[in-house]
Amino acid sequence: DIPQSILGQLGMKVQHALRAFTAKDRQDIKKVAENFPETEYYKTEDIITDEIEVNAFPNPSSGEITFTAPADFVIRYLSVFDMKGVLIHSVGAVNESYYTMETDELASGIYLMRLQFDKGIAALQFVVK
């Protein structure tokens, strides 16, 4: 048997590997961004390739969960989707770098939070117990 502390570390390493981009992945993303229409409002390559560090706590949650971003990233709009891609919840004009949401009305499971900022878009998964 493998000790629980080792299993936990392996789980984190697997999660990190699933989220990590290789150099080839970054090249492919940049190629895709080059084919998007040009606009004066943003650079598609920057939005797609820049990473915005967002967090959720507590995760998993059984009552209330808070999503945070760096102070210079103001959340403009957020959406919550279930794993089937169905929109469950959305809020506009958050205008803060954090948002707290009640999870009491959500069924137990895994959800995706999509956060839109002036400087890009970020997404993360969270779990409701």
N, C-alpha and C. Protein backbone atom coordinates (compact mmCIF):
# COMPACT_ATOMS: atom_id res chain seq x y z
N ASP A 1 0.83 -1.19 0.00
CA ASP A 1 0.00 0.00 0.00
C ASP A 1 0.87 1.26 0.00
N ILE A 2 0.36 2.31 -0.66
CA ILE A 2 1.07 3.58 -0.71
C ILE A 2 0.49 4.49 0.36
N PRO A 3 1.36 5.13 1.18
CA PRO A 3 0.84 6.03 2.23
C PRO A 3 -0.02 7.15 1.64
N GLN A 4 -1.01 7.60 2.41
CA GLN A 4 -1.94 8.63 1.96
C GLN A 4 -1.22 9.92 1.56
N SER A 5 -0.16 10.29 2.30
CA SER A 5 0.57 11.52 1.97
C SER A 5 1.21 11.44 0.59
N ILE A 6 1.68 10.26 0.21
CA ILE A 6 2.28 10.08 -1.12
C ILE A 6 1.18 10.10 -2.19
N LEU A 7 0.06 9.45 -1.90
CA LEU A 7 -1.06 9.46 -2.86
C LEU A 7 -1.51 10.88 -3.14
N GLY A 8 -1.58 11.72 -2.09
CA GLY A 8 -1.98 13.12 -2.27
C GLY A 8 -1.01 13.87 -3.16
N GLN A 9 0.29 13.62 -2.99
CA GLN A 9 1.29 14.28 -3.83
C GLN A 9 1.19 13.82 -5.27
N LEU A 10 0.96 12.53 -5.46
CA LEU A 10 0.81 12.02 -6.83
C LEU A 10 -0.40 12.66 -7.51
N GLY A 11 -1.49 12.82 -6.74
CA GLY A 11 -2.68 13.45 -7.30
C GLY A 11 -2.39 14.86 -7.77
N MET A 12 -1.65 15.63 -6.98
CA MET A 12 -1.32 17.00 -7.36
C MET A 12 -0.42 17.02 -8.59
N LYS A 13 0.52 16.08 -8.68
CA LYS A 13 1.41 16.04 -9.84
C LYS A 13 0.63 15.71 -11.11
N VAL A 14 -0.32 14.80 -10.99
CA VAL A 14 -1.15 14.47 -12.15
C VAL A 14 -1.99 15.67 -12.56
N GLN A 15 -2.57 16.37 -11.58
CA GLN A 15 -3.35 17.57 -11.90
C GLN A 15 -2.49 18.62 -12.58
N HIS A 16 -1.27 18.82 -12.07
CA HIS A 16 -0.37 19.80 -12.68
C HIS A 16 -0.02 19.39 -14.11
N ALA A 17 0.24 18.12 -14.32
CA ALA A 17 0.59 17.65 -15.66
C ALA A 17 -0.56 17.87 -16.64
N LEU A 18 -1.78 17.71 -16.17
CA LEU A 18 -2.92 17.91 -17.05
C LEU A 18 -3.10 19.38 -17.43
N ARG A 19 -2.69 20.29 -16.55
CA ARG A 19 -2.85 21.72 -16.79
C ARG A 19 -1.67 22.35 -17.51
N ALA A 20 -0.51 21.66 -17.50
CA ALA A 20 0.71 22.25 -18.05
C ALA A 20 0.68 22.22 -19.58
N PHE A 21 1.23 23.27 -20.18
CA PHE A 21 1.36 23.36 -21.62
C PHE A 21 2.80 23.05 -21.99
N THR A 22 2.99 22.31 -23.04
CA THR A 22 4.33 22.08 -23.55
C THR A 22 4.68 23.22 -24.50
N ALA A 23 5.95 23.27 -24.90
CA ALA A 23 6.37 24.31 -25.86
C ALA A 23 5.59 24.17 -27.15
N LYS A 24 5.35 22.94 -27.60
CA LYS A 24 4.59 22.72 -28.83
C LYS A 24 3.15 23.22 -28.67
N ASP A 25 2.55 22.98 -27.50
CA ASP A 25 1.19 23.47 -27.24
C ASP A 25 1.13 24.99 -27.36
N ARG A 26 2.12 25.68 -26.79
CA ARG A 26 2.15 27.14 -26.87
C ARG A 26 2.29 27.61 -28.32
N GLN A 27 3.10 26.92 -29.12
CA GLN A 27 3.24 27.28 -30.54
C GLN A 27 1.91 27.10 -31.27
N ASP A 28 1.24 26.01 -31.00
CA ASP A 28 -0.05 25.75 -31.64
C ASP A 28 -1.08 26.82 -31.26
N ILE A 29 -1.10 27.21 -29.99
CA ILE A 29 -2.03 28.24 -29.54
C ILE A 29 -1.75 29.56 -30.25
N LYS A 30 -0.47 29.91 -30.38
CA LYS A 30 -0.11 31.15 -31.06
C LYS A 30 -0.53 31.13 -32.52
N LYS A 31 -0.40 29.96 -33.18
CA LYS A 31 -0.83 29.84 -34.57
C LYS A 31 -2.33 30.05 -34.69
N VAL A 32 -3.07 29.47 -33.77
CA VAL A 32 -4.53 29.64 -33.78
C VAL A 32 -4.88 31.11 -33.58
N ALA A 33 -4.21 31.78 -32.63
CA ALA A 33 -4.49 33.18 -32.35
C ALA A 33 -4.22 34.06 -33.56
N GLU A 34 -3.23 33.71 -34.37
CA GLU A 34 -2.90 34.50 -35.55
C GLU A 34 -4.04 34.50 -36.57
N ASN A 35 -4.90 33.51 -36.54
CA ASN A 35 -5.99 33.38 -37.50
C ASN A 35 -7.29 34.05 -37.05
N PHE A 36 -7.32 34.58 -35.81
CA PHE A 36 -8.50 35.28 -35.35
C PHE A 36 -8.55 36.66 -35.99
N PRO A 37 -9.73 37.25 -36.15
CA PRO A 37 -9.83 38.60 -36.72
C PRO A 37 -9.10 39.62 -35.84
N GLU A 38 -8.49 40.61 -36.47
CA GLU A 38 -7.81 41.66 -35.73
C GLU A 38 -8.83 42.65 -35.18
N THR A 39 -8.51 43.20 -34.01
CA THR A 39 -9.36 44.19 -33.39
C THR A 39 -8.50 45.19 -32.64
N GLU A 40 -8.99 46.41 -32.50
CA GLU A 40 -8.24 47.44 -31.78
C GLU A 40 -8.41 47.30 -30.27
N TYR A 41 -9.36 46.48 -29.82
CA TYR A 41 -9.68 46.39 -28.41
C TYR A 41 -8.78 45.44 -27.63
N TYR A 42 -8.25 44.42 -28.27
CA TYR A 42 -7.39 43.45 -27.59
C TYR A 42 -6.58 42.69 -28.62
N LYS A 43 -5.54 42.04 -28.15
CA LYS A 43 -4.73 41.15 -28.98
C LYS A 43 -5.14 39.72 -28.63
N THR A 44 -5.69 39.02 -29.59
CA THR A 44 -6.17 37.66 -29.35
C THR A 44 -5.07 36.79 -28.77
N GLU A 45 -3.86 36.91 -29.28
CA GLU A 45 -2.76 36.07 -28.79
C GLU A 45 -2.53 36.29 -27.30
N ASP A 46 -2.61 37.55 -26.86
CA ASP A 46 -2.42 37.84 -25.44
C ASP A 46 -3.52 37.22 -24.58
N ILE A 47 -4.75 37.33 -25.05
CA ILE A 47 -5.87 36.79 -24.28
C ILE A 47 -5.79 35.28 -24.18
N ILE A 48 -5.42 34.62 -25.26
CA ILE A 48 -5.37 33.16 -25.26
C ILE A 48 -4.17 32.64 -24.47
N THR A 49 -3.02 33.28 -24.60
CA THR A 49 -1.81 32.71 -24.03
C THR A 49 -1.46 33.23 -22.64
N ASP A 50 -1.93 34.39 -22.24
CA ASP A 50 -1.60 34.90 -20.91
C ASP A 50 -2.35 34.08 -19.86
N GLU A 51 -1.65 33.75 -18.81
CA GLU A 51 -2.27 32.99 -17.73
C GLU A 51 -2.63 33.94 -16.60
N ILE A 52 -3.87 33.88 -16.16
CA ILE A 52 -4.34 34.69 -15.04
C ILE A 52 -4.53 33.72 -13.88
N GLU A 53 -3.83 33.97 -12.80
CA GLU A 53 -3.87 33.08 -11.64
C GLU A 53 -5.16 33.33 -10.86
N VAL A 54 -6.10 32.40 -10.96
CA VAL A 54 -7.35 32.50 -10.20
C VAL A 54 -7.42 31.33 -9.23
N ASN A 55 -8.07 31.56 -8.11
CA ASN A 55 -8.18 30.53 -7.07
C ASN A 55 -9.61 30.44 -6.58
N ALA A 56 -9.93 29.30 -5.99
CA ALA A 56 -11.24 29.08 -5.38
C ALA A 56 -11.00 28.48 -4.00
N PHE A 57 -11.69 29.01 -2.99
CA PHE A 57 -11.57 28.42 -1.66
C PHE A 57 -12.87 28.63 -0.89
N PRO A 58 -13.25 27.70 -0.02
CA PRO A 58 -12.67 26.37 0.06
C PRO A 58 -13.10 25.55 -1.15
N ASN A 59 -12.26 24.67 -1.57
CA ASN A 59 -12.56 23.82 -2.73
C ASN A 59 -12.06 22.42 -2.41
N PRO A 60 -12.96 21.50 -2.17
CA PRO A 60 -14.41 21.48 -2.37
C PRO A 60 -15.15 22.36 -1.36
N SER A 61 -16.36 22.74 -1.74
CA SER A 61 -17.19 23.61 -0.93
C SER A 61 -18.52 22.94 -0.61
N SER A 62 -19.06 23.31 0.54
CA SER A 62 -20.39 22.79 0.89
C SER A 62 -21.33 23.90 1.33
N GLY A 63 -20.97 25.14 1.09
CA GLY A 63 -21.85 26.24 1.47
C GLY A 63 -21.57 27.50 0.70
N GLU A 64 -20.36 27.98 0.82
CA GLU A 64 -19.99 29.23 0.18
C GLU A 64 -18.59 29.05 -0.40
N ILE A 65 -18.35 29.59 -1.59
CA ILE A 65 -17.03 29.50 -2.21
C ILE A 65 -16.64 30.88 -2.72
N THR A 66 -15.37 31.22 -2.58
CA THR A 66 -14.87 32.52 -3.02
C THR A 66 -13.85 32.32 -4.12
N PHE A 67 -14.00 33.07 -5.19
CA PHE A 67 -13.07 33.05 -6.32
C PHE A 67 -12.26 34.33 -6.27
N THR A 68 -10.93 34.20 -6.39
CA THR A 68 -10.06 35.38 -6.32
C THR A 68 -9.15 35.44 -7.53
N ALA A 69 -8.77 36.65 -7.88
CA ALA A 69 -7.82 36.93 -8.95
C ALA A 69 -6.84 37.97 -8.43
N PRO A 70 -5.73 38.19 -9.12
CA PRO A 70 -4.82 39.26 -8.69
C PRO A 70 -5.56 40.60 -8.64
N ALA A 71 -5.11 41.48 -7.75
CA ALA A 71 -5.79 42.76 -7.52
C ALA A 71 -5.96 43.59 -8.78
N ASP A 72 -5.05 43.47 -9.74
CA ASP A 72 -5.16 44.28 -10.96
C ASP A 72 -6.04 43.63 -12.03
N PHE A 73 -6.68 42.50 -11.70
CA PHE A 73 -7.62 41.85 -12.61
C PHE A 73 -9.02 41.94 -12.02
N VAL A 74 -9.80 42.88 -12.52
CA VAL A 74 -11.16 43.09 -12.04
C VAL A 74 -12.10 42.17 -12.82
N ILE A 75 -12.90 41.40 -12.10
CA ILE A 75 -13.84 40.48 -12.74
C ILE A 75 -14.99 41.31 -13.31
N ARG A 76 -15.22 41.19 -14.61
CA ARG A 76 -16.32 41.92 -15.26
C ARG A 76 -17.56 41.04 -15.38
N TYR A 77 -17.35 39.76 -15.64
CA TYR A 77 -18.48 38.85 -15.87
C TYR A 77 -18.03 37.46 -15.48
N LEU A 78 -18.92 36.68 -14.90
CA LEU A 78 -18.57 35.29 -14.58
C LEU A 78 -19.72 34.37 -14.92
N SER A 79 -19.37 33.15 -15.23
CA SER A 79 -20.36 32.13 -15.60
C SER A 79 -19.97 30.82 -14.93
N VAL A 80 -20.97 30.08 -14.48
CA VAL A 80 -20.76 28.75 -13.91
C VAL A 80 -21.45 27.74 -14.83
N PHE A 81 -20.70 26.71 -15.22
CA PHE A 81 -21.22 25.65 -16.08
C PHE A 81 -21.09 24.31 -15.38
N ASP A 82 -22.06 23.42 -15.63
CA ASP A 82 -21.88 22.06 -15.14
C ASP A 82 -20.99 21.31 -16.13
N MET A 83 -20.69 20.06 -15.86
CA MET A 83 -19.75 19.32 -16.70
C MET A 83 -20.35 18.94 -18.06
N LYS A 84 -21.64 19.18 -18.24
CA LYS A 84 -22.26 18.96 -19.55
C LYS A 84 -22.21 20.22 -20.40
N GLY A 85 -21.71 21.33 -19.81
CA GLY A 85 -21.62 22.59 -20.53
C GLY A 85 -22.85 23.46 -20.39
N VAL A 86 -23.75 23.09 -19.50
CA VAL A 86 -24.98 23.87 -19.30
C VAL A 86 -24.69 25.04 -18.36
N LEU A 87 -25.10 26.24 -18.76
CA LEU A 87 -24.93 27.42 -17.93
C LEU A 87 -25.83 27.31 -16.71
N ILE A 88 -25.24 27.38 -15.53
CA ILE A 88 -25.98 27.23 -14.28
C ILE A 88 -26.22 28.58 -13.61
N HIS A 89 -25.22 29.47 -13.70
CA HIS A 89 -25.27 30.75 -12.98
C HIS A 89 -24.40 31.75 -13.71
N SER A 90 -24.82 33.00 -13.77
CA SER A 90 -23.98 34.04 -14.36
C SER A 90 -24.23 35.37 -13.64
N VAL A 91 -23.17 36.18 -13.61
CA VAL A 91 -23.25 37.49 -12.96
C VAL A 91 -22.44 38.46 -13.79
N GLY A 92 -23.01 39.63 -14.06
CA GLY A 92 -22.29 40.69 -14.76
C GLY A 92 -21.93 41.81 -13.81
N ALA A 93 -20.99 42.63 -14.20
CA ALA A 93 -20.58 43.82 -13.44
C ALA A 93 -20.18 43.49 -12.01
N VAL A 94 -19.34 42.47 -11.84
CA VAL A 94 -18.84 42.14 -10.49
C VAL A 94 -17.95 43.28 -10.01
N ASN A 95 -17.04 43.75 -10.88
CA ASN A 95 -16.19 44.91 -10.63
C ASN A 95 -15.33 44.82 -9.37
N GLU A 96 -14.93 43.62 -9.03
CA GLU A 96 -14.00 43.35 -7.92
C GLU A 96 -13.05 42.27 -8.39
N SER A 97 -11.98 42.05 -7.64
CA SER A 97 -11.05 40.98 -7.99
C SER A 97 -11.39 39.69 -7.25
N TYR A 98 -12.57 39.63 -6.67
CA TYR A 98 -13.06 38.43 -5.99
C TYR A 98 -14.57 38.35 -6.12
N TYR A 99 -15.10 37.15 -5.91
CA TYR A 99 -16.55 36.95 -5.93
C TYR A 99 -16.88 35.78 -5.02
N THR A 100 -17.85 35.95 -4.15
CA THR A 100 -18.28 34.88 -3.25
C THR A 100 -19.67 34.42 -3.68
N MET A 101 -19.83 33.11 -3.75
CA MET A 101 -21.07 32.52 -4.26
C MET A 101 -21.57 31.45 -3.30
N GLU A 102 -22.87 31.41 -3.10
CA GLU A 102 -23.50 30.35 -2.32
C GLU A 102 -23.59 29.09 -3.19
N THR A 103 -23.27 27.95 -2.62
CA THR A 103 -23.34 26.69 -3.39
C THR A 103 -24.47 25.79 -2.91
N ASP A 104 -25.27 26.26 -1.95
CA ASP A 104 -26.33 25.43 -1.38
C ASP A 104 -27.32 24.90 -2.41
N GLU A 105 -27.58 25.68 -3.46
CA GLU A 105 -28.58 25.27 -4.45
C GLU A 105 -27.99 24.43 -5.59
N LEU A 106 -26.67 24.22 -5.56
CA LEU A 106 -26.03 23.41 -6.59
C LEU A 106 -25.97 21.96 -6.15
N ALA A 107 -26.20 21.04 -7.08
CA ALA A 107 -26.08 19.62 -6.78
C ALA A 107 -24.61 19.28 -6.57
N SER A 108 -24.33 18.26 -5.80
CA SER A 108 -22.96 17.81 -5.62
C SER A 108 -22.36 17.47 -6.97
N GLY A 109 -21.11 17.89 -7.18
CA GLY A 109 -20.46 17.59 -8.45
C GLY A 109 -19.35 18.57 -8.77
N ILE A 110 -18.86 18.47 -9.99
CA ILE A 110 -17.78 19.32 -10.48
C ILE A 110 -18.36 20.37 -11.40
N TYR A 111 -17.90 21.62 -11.24
CA TYR A 111 -18.37 22.73 -12.04
C TYR A 111 -17.19 23.50 -12.62
N LEU A 112 -17.46 24.27 -13.65
CA LEU A 112 -16.45 25.12 -14.27
C LEU A 112 -16.86 26.57 -14.09
N MET A 113 -15.96 27.38 -13.53
CA MET A 113 -16.18 28.81 -13.39
C MET A 113 -15.37 29.51 -14.46
N ARG A 114 -16.03 30.35 -15.26
CA ARG A 114 -15.36 31.13 -16.30
C ARG A 114 -15.43 32.59 -15.89
N LEU A 115 -14.26 33.22 -15.75
CA LEU A 115 -14.18 34.61 -15.30
C LEU A 115 -13.66 35.47 -16.43
N GLN A 116 -14.36 36.54 -16.73
CA GLN A 116 -13.94 37.45 -17.80
C GLN A 116 -13.42 38.74 -17.19
N PHE A 117 -12.23 39.15 -17.64
CA PHE A 117 -11.57 40.36 -17.17
C PHE A 117 -11.35 41.29 -18.35
N ASP A 118 -10.95 42.53 -18.08
CA ASP A 118 -10.57 43.43 -19.16
C ASP A 118 -9.36 42.88 -19.91
N LYS A 119 -8.51 42.16 -19.20
CA LYS A 119 -7.24 41.68 -19.76
C LYS A 119 -7.26 40.21 -20.13
N GLY A 120 -8.41 39.60 -20.28
CA GLY A 120 -8.45 38.19 -20.68
C GLY A 120 -9.54 37.41 -19.98
N ILE A 121 -9.43 36.11 -20.13
CA ILE A 121 -10.42 35.18 -19.59
C ILE A 121 -9.68 34.07 -18.86
N ALA A 122 -10.24 33.63 -17.74
CA ALA A 122 -9.67 32.51 -17.00
C ALA A 122 -10.79 31.56 -16.62
N ALA A 123 -10.42 30.32 -16.37
CA ALA A 123 -11.42 29.33 -15.97
C ALA A 123 -10.79 28.39 -14.95
N LEU A 124 -11.61 27.87 -14.08
CA LEU A 124 -11.13 26.86 -13.14
C LEU A 124 -12.29 25.98 -12.72
N GLN A 125 -11.94 24.79 -12.28
CA GLN A 125 -12.94 23.86 -11.81
C GLN A 125 -13.10 24.01 -10.30
N PHE A 126 -14.31 23.76 -9.83
CA PHE A 126 -14.52 23.68 -8.39
C PHE A 126 -15.51 22.57 -8.12
N VAL A 127 -15.48 22.10 -6.89
CA VAL A 127 -16.29 20.94 -6.48
C VAL A 127 -17.25 21.37 -5.40
N VAL A 128 -18.50 20.91 -5.54
CA VAL A 128 -19.52 21.11 -4.53
C VAL A 128 -19.78 19.76 -3.89
N LYS A 129 -19.67 19.72 -2.55
CA LYS A 129 -19.91 18.46 -1.81
C LYS A 129 -21.39 18.16 -1.74
